[in-house]
Structures are given as C-alpha cells and as structure tokens.
Amino acid sequence: MDIDLIFQIAGVGIIVAVLSQLLSRSGRDEQALMITIAGLVVVLFILTEEIGNLFDSIKQIFDL
C-alpha cells in the first residue's frame, strides 16, 4: 500500500472538514451535510479501486 493513498484520503478529509465548518458557521447546514456526504463518496470510490487492485493481486498470486 502506498503512502500516497493515505495522503489522498487525509487531503479529502481536511478539505471536507474545512468546507463543512465554513458552511455550518454561515448557517448552511444542509449544504455542509451534502459536502460531507460527497467527501465520503469520493473516499469510498478511492478505496473501492484499491480493494479491486488487492483482489487482482491475490488472483495473480494464487493463479486463479
């Protein structure tokens, strides 16, 4: 696993946290919630791709 993956996830988390706080403090709680959900979806897409790569590696190792 690359350290870049951890940095990508942390970067998305930091950006989402800052935007969410800014929107919450300005009274736009619904938009803050949507930003949080969008950030979660982006991270899940990143992880899904990596899990797919993991399964491909396991297939190659065991010649399946």
N, C-alpha and C. Protein backbone atom coordinates (compact mmCIF):
# COMPACT_ATOMS: atom_id res chain seq x y z
N MET A 1 0.85 -1.18 0.00
CA MET A 1 0.00 0.00 0.00
C MET A 1 0.89 1.24 0.00
N ASP A 2 0.59 2.13 -0.87
CA ASP A 2 1.37 3.36 -0.97
C ASP A 2 0.95 4.37 0.09
N ILE A 3 1.90 5.18 0.46
CA ILE A 3 1.61 6.26 1.40
C ILE A 3 0.77 7.34 0.72
N ASP A 4 0.81 7.37 -0.62
CA ASP A 4 0.02 8.35 -1.36
C ASP A 4 -1.48 8.17 -1.12
N LEU A 5 -1.90 6.93 -0.96
CA LEU A 5 -3.31 6.66 -0.70
C LEU A 5 -3.75 7.29 0.62
N ILE A 6 -2.92 7.17 1.62
CA ILE A 6 -3.23 7.76 2.93
C ILE A 6 -3.28 9.27 2.82
N PHE A 7 -2.35 9.86 2.07
CA PHE A 7 -2.35 11.30 1.90
C PHE A 7 -3.58 11.78 1.12
N GLN A 8 -4.00 11.02 0.12
CA GLN A 8 -5.20 11.39 -0.64
C GLN A 8 -6.43 11.40 0.27
N ILE A 9 -6.58 10.36 1.06
CA ILE A 9 -7.75 10.26 1.94
C ILE A 9 -7.70 11.38 2.99
N ALA A 10 -6.51 11.63 3.54
CA ALA A 10 -6.37 12.69 4.54
C ALA A 10 -6.66 14.06 3.91
N GLY A 11 -6.20 14.27 2.69
CA GLY A 11 -6.46 15.53 1.99
C GLY A 11 -7.94 15.76 1.77
N VAL A 12 -8.64 14.73 1.33
CA VAL A 12 -10.08 14.85 1.13
C VAL A 12 -10.75 15.15 2.47
N GLY A 13 -10.31 14.48 3.52
CA GLY A 13 -10.90 14.70 4.84
C GLY A 13 -10.69 16.12 5.34
N ILE A 14 -9.50 16.65 5.15
CA ILE A 14 -9.22 18.02 5.59
C ILE A 14 -10.05 19.03 4.81
N ILE A 15 -10.11 18.86 3.50
CA ILE A 15 -10.89 19.79 2.67
C ILE A 15 -12.37 19.73 3.05
N VAL A 16 -12.89 18.52 3.23
CA VAL A 16 -14.30 18.37 3.60
C VAL A 16 -14.57 18.98 4.97
N ALA A 17 -13.67 18.77 5.91
CA ALA A 17 -13.86 19.32 7.25
C ALA A 17 -13.88 20.85 7.24
N VAL A 18 -12.97 21.44 6.49
CA VAL A 18 -12.92 22.91 6.42
C VAL A 18 -14.17 23.47 5.75
N LEU A 19 -14.54 22.89 4.62
CA LEU A 19 -15.74 23.37 3.93
C LEU A 19 -16.99 23.18 4.77
N SER A 20 -17.08 22.06 5.44
CA SER A 20 -18.23 21.79 6.28
C SER A 20 -18.33 22.78 7.43
N GLN A 21 -17.21 23.10 8.05
CA GLN A 21 -17.21 24.07 9.14
C GLN A 21 -17.60 25.46 8.64
N LEU A 22 -17.05 25.84 7.49
CA LEU A 22 -17.40 27.16 6.94
C LEU A 22 -18.88 27.26 6.63
N LEU A 23 -19.43 26.22 6.03
CA LEU A 23 -20.85 26.25 5.69
C LEU A 23 -21.72 26.18 6.93
N SER A 24 -21.32 25.41 7.92
CA SER A 24 -22.11 25.32 9.15
C SER A 24 -22.15 26.65 9.88
N ARG A 25 -21.02 27.33 9.94
CA ARG A 25 -20.97 28.60 10.66
C ARG A 25 -21.72 29.72 9.93
N SER A 26 -21.88 29.55 8.62
CA SER A 26 -22.64 30.57 7.88
C SER A 26 -24.13 30.23 7.82
N GLY A 27 -24.54 29.16 8.49
CA GLY A 27 -25.96 28.82 8.56
C GLY A 27 -26.45 27.94 7.45
N ARG A 28 -25.57 27.35 6.70
CA ARG A 28 -25.97 26.48 5.58
C ARG A 28 -25.69 25.02 5.95
N ASP A 29 -26.44 24.55 6.93
CA ASP A 29 -26.21 23.21 7.45
C ASP A 29 -26.52 22.11 6.43
N GLU A 30 -27.53 22.32 5.60
CA GLU A 30 -27.87 21.30 4.61
C GLU A 30 -26.75 21.14 3.59
N GLN A 31 -26.17 22.25 3.16
CA GLN A 31 -25.07 22.17 2.20
C GLN A 31 -23.82 21.57 2.85
N ALA A 32 -23.61 21.84 4.13
CA ALA A 32 -22.49 21.24 4.85
C ALA A 32 -22.64 19.72 4.90
N LEU A 33 -23.87 19.27 5.13
CA LEU A 33 -24.13 17.83 5.15
C LEU A 33 -23.88 17.22 3.77
N MET A 34 -24.28 17.91 2.71
CA MET A 34 -24.06 17.40 1.36
C MET A 34 -22.57 17.32 1.02
N ILE A 35 -21.80 18.30 1.48
CA ILE A 35 -20.34 18.27 1.28
C ILE A 35 -19.74 17.08 1.99
N THR A 36 -20.20 16.82 3.21
CA THR A 36 -19.70 15.69 3.98
C THR A 36 -20.02 14.37 3.28
N ILE A 37 -21.23 14.24 2.78
CA ILE A 37 -21.62 13.01 2.09
C ILE A 37 -20.82 12.86 0.79
N ALA A 38 -20.61 13.95 0.08
CA ALA A 38 -19.83 13.89 -1.16
C ALA A 38 -18.39 13.47 -0.87
N GLY A 39 -17.82 13.98 0.21
CA GLY A 39 -16.47 13.57 0.60
C GLY A 39 -16.39 12.10 0.93
N LEU A 40 -17.41 11.60 1.62
CA LEU A 40 -17.46 10.17 1.95
C LEU A 40 -17.53 9.32 0.68
N VAL A 41 -18.33 9.76 -0.28
CA VAL A 41 -18.46 9.02 -1.54
C VAL A 41 -17.13 9.00 -2.30
N VAL A 42 -16.43 10.13 -2.32
CA VAL A 42 -15.13 10.19 -3.00
C VAL A 42 -14.15 9.22 -2.36
N VAL A 43 -14.10 9.20 -1.05
CA VAL A 43 -13.18 8.29 -0.35
C VAL A 43 -13.57 6.84 -0.60
N LEU A 44 -14.86 6.55 -0.63
CA LEU A 44 -15.29 5.18 -0.92
C LEU A 44 -14.91 4.74 -2.33
N PHE A 45 -14.98 5.66 -3.30
CA PHE A 45 -14.54 5.32 -4.66
C PHE A 45 -13.04 5.02 -4.69
N ILE A 46 -12.27 5.82 -3.97
CA ILE A 46 -10.82 5.59 -3.91
C ILE A 46 -10.54 4.22 -3.30
N LEU A 47 -11.21 3.90 -2.20
CA LEU A 47 -10.99 2.62 -1.53
C LEU A 47 -11.48 1.44 -2.36
N THR A 48 -12.58 1.62 -3.08
CA THR A 48 -13.10 0.55 -3.93
C THR A 48 -12.09 0.18 -5.01
N GLU A 49 -11.46 1.18 -5.59
CA GLU A 49 -10.45 0.92 -6.61
C GLU A 49 -9.26 0.16 -6.03
N GLU A 50 -8.85 0.54 -4.84
CA GLU A 50 -7.72 -0.13 -4.20
C GLU A 50 -8.06 -1.56 -3.79
N ILE A 51 -9.29 -1.79 -3.35
CA ILE A 51 -9.71 -3.14 -3.00
C ILE A 51 -9.75 -4.02 -4.25
N GLY A 52 -10.18 -3.45 -5.37
CA GLY A 52 -10.14 -4.18 -6.64
C GLY A 52 -8.73 -4.57 -7.02
N ASN A 53 -7.77 -3.65 -6.82
CA ASN A 53 -6.37 -3.97 -7.09
C ASN A 53 -5.86 -5.06 -6.17
N LEU A 54 -6.31 -5.05 -4.92
CA LEU A 54 -5.92 -6.09 -3.97
C LEU A 54 -6.41 -7.45 -4.43
N PHE A 55 -7.66 -7.54 -4.86
CA PHE A 55 -8.20 -8.82 -5.33
C PHE A 55 -7.48 -9.29 -6.59
N ASP A 56 -7.13 -8.37 -7.48
CA ASP A 56 -6.37 -8.76 -8.67
C ASP A 56 -4.99 -9.31 -8.29
N SER A 57 -4.37 -8.71 -7.31
CA SER A 57 -3.06 -9.22 -6.84
C SER A 57 -3.20 -10.60 -6.23
N ILE A 58 -4.26 -10.81 -5.46
CA ILE A 58 -4.48 -12.13 -4.86
C ILE A 58 -4.74 -13.17 -5.93
N LYS A 59 -5.48 -12.81 -6.98
CA LYS A 59 -5.71 -13.74 -8.09
C LYS A 59 -4.40 -14.12 -8.77
N GLN A 60 -3.52 -13.15 -8.97
CA GLN A 60 -2.24 -13.43 -9.62
C GLN A 60 -1.35 -14.29 -8.74
N ILE A 61 -1.38 -14.05 -7.44
CA ILE A 61 -0.53 -14.82 -6.54
C ILE A 61 -0.94 -16.29 -6.53
N PHE A 62 -2.22 -16.55 -6.48
CA PHE A 62 -2.71 -17.94 -6.38
C PHE A 62 -3.10 -18.52 -7.73
N ASP A 63 -2.81 -17.83 -8.82
CA ASP A 63 -3.11 -18.29 -10.18
C ASP A 63 -4.57 -18.71 -10.33
N LEU A 64 -5.48 -17.85 -9.93
CA LEU A 64 -6.90 -18.16 -10.06
C LEU A 64 -7.47 -17.57 -11.31
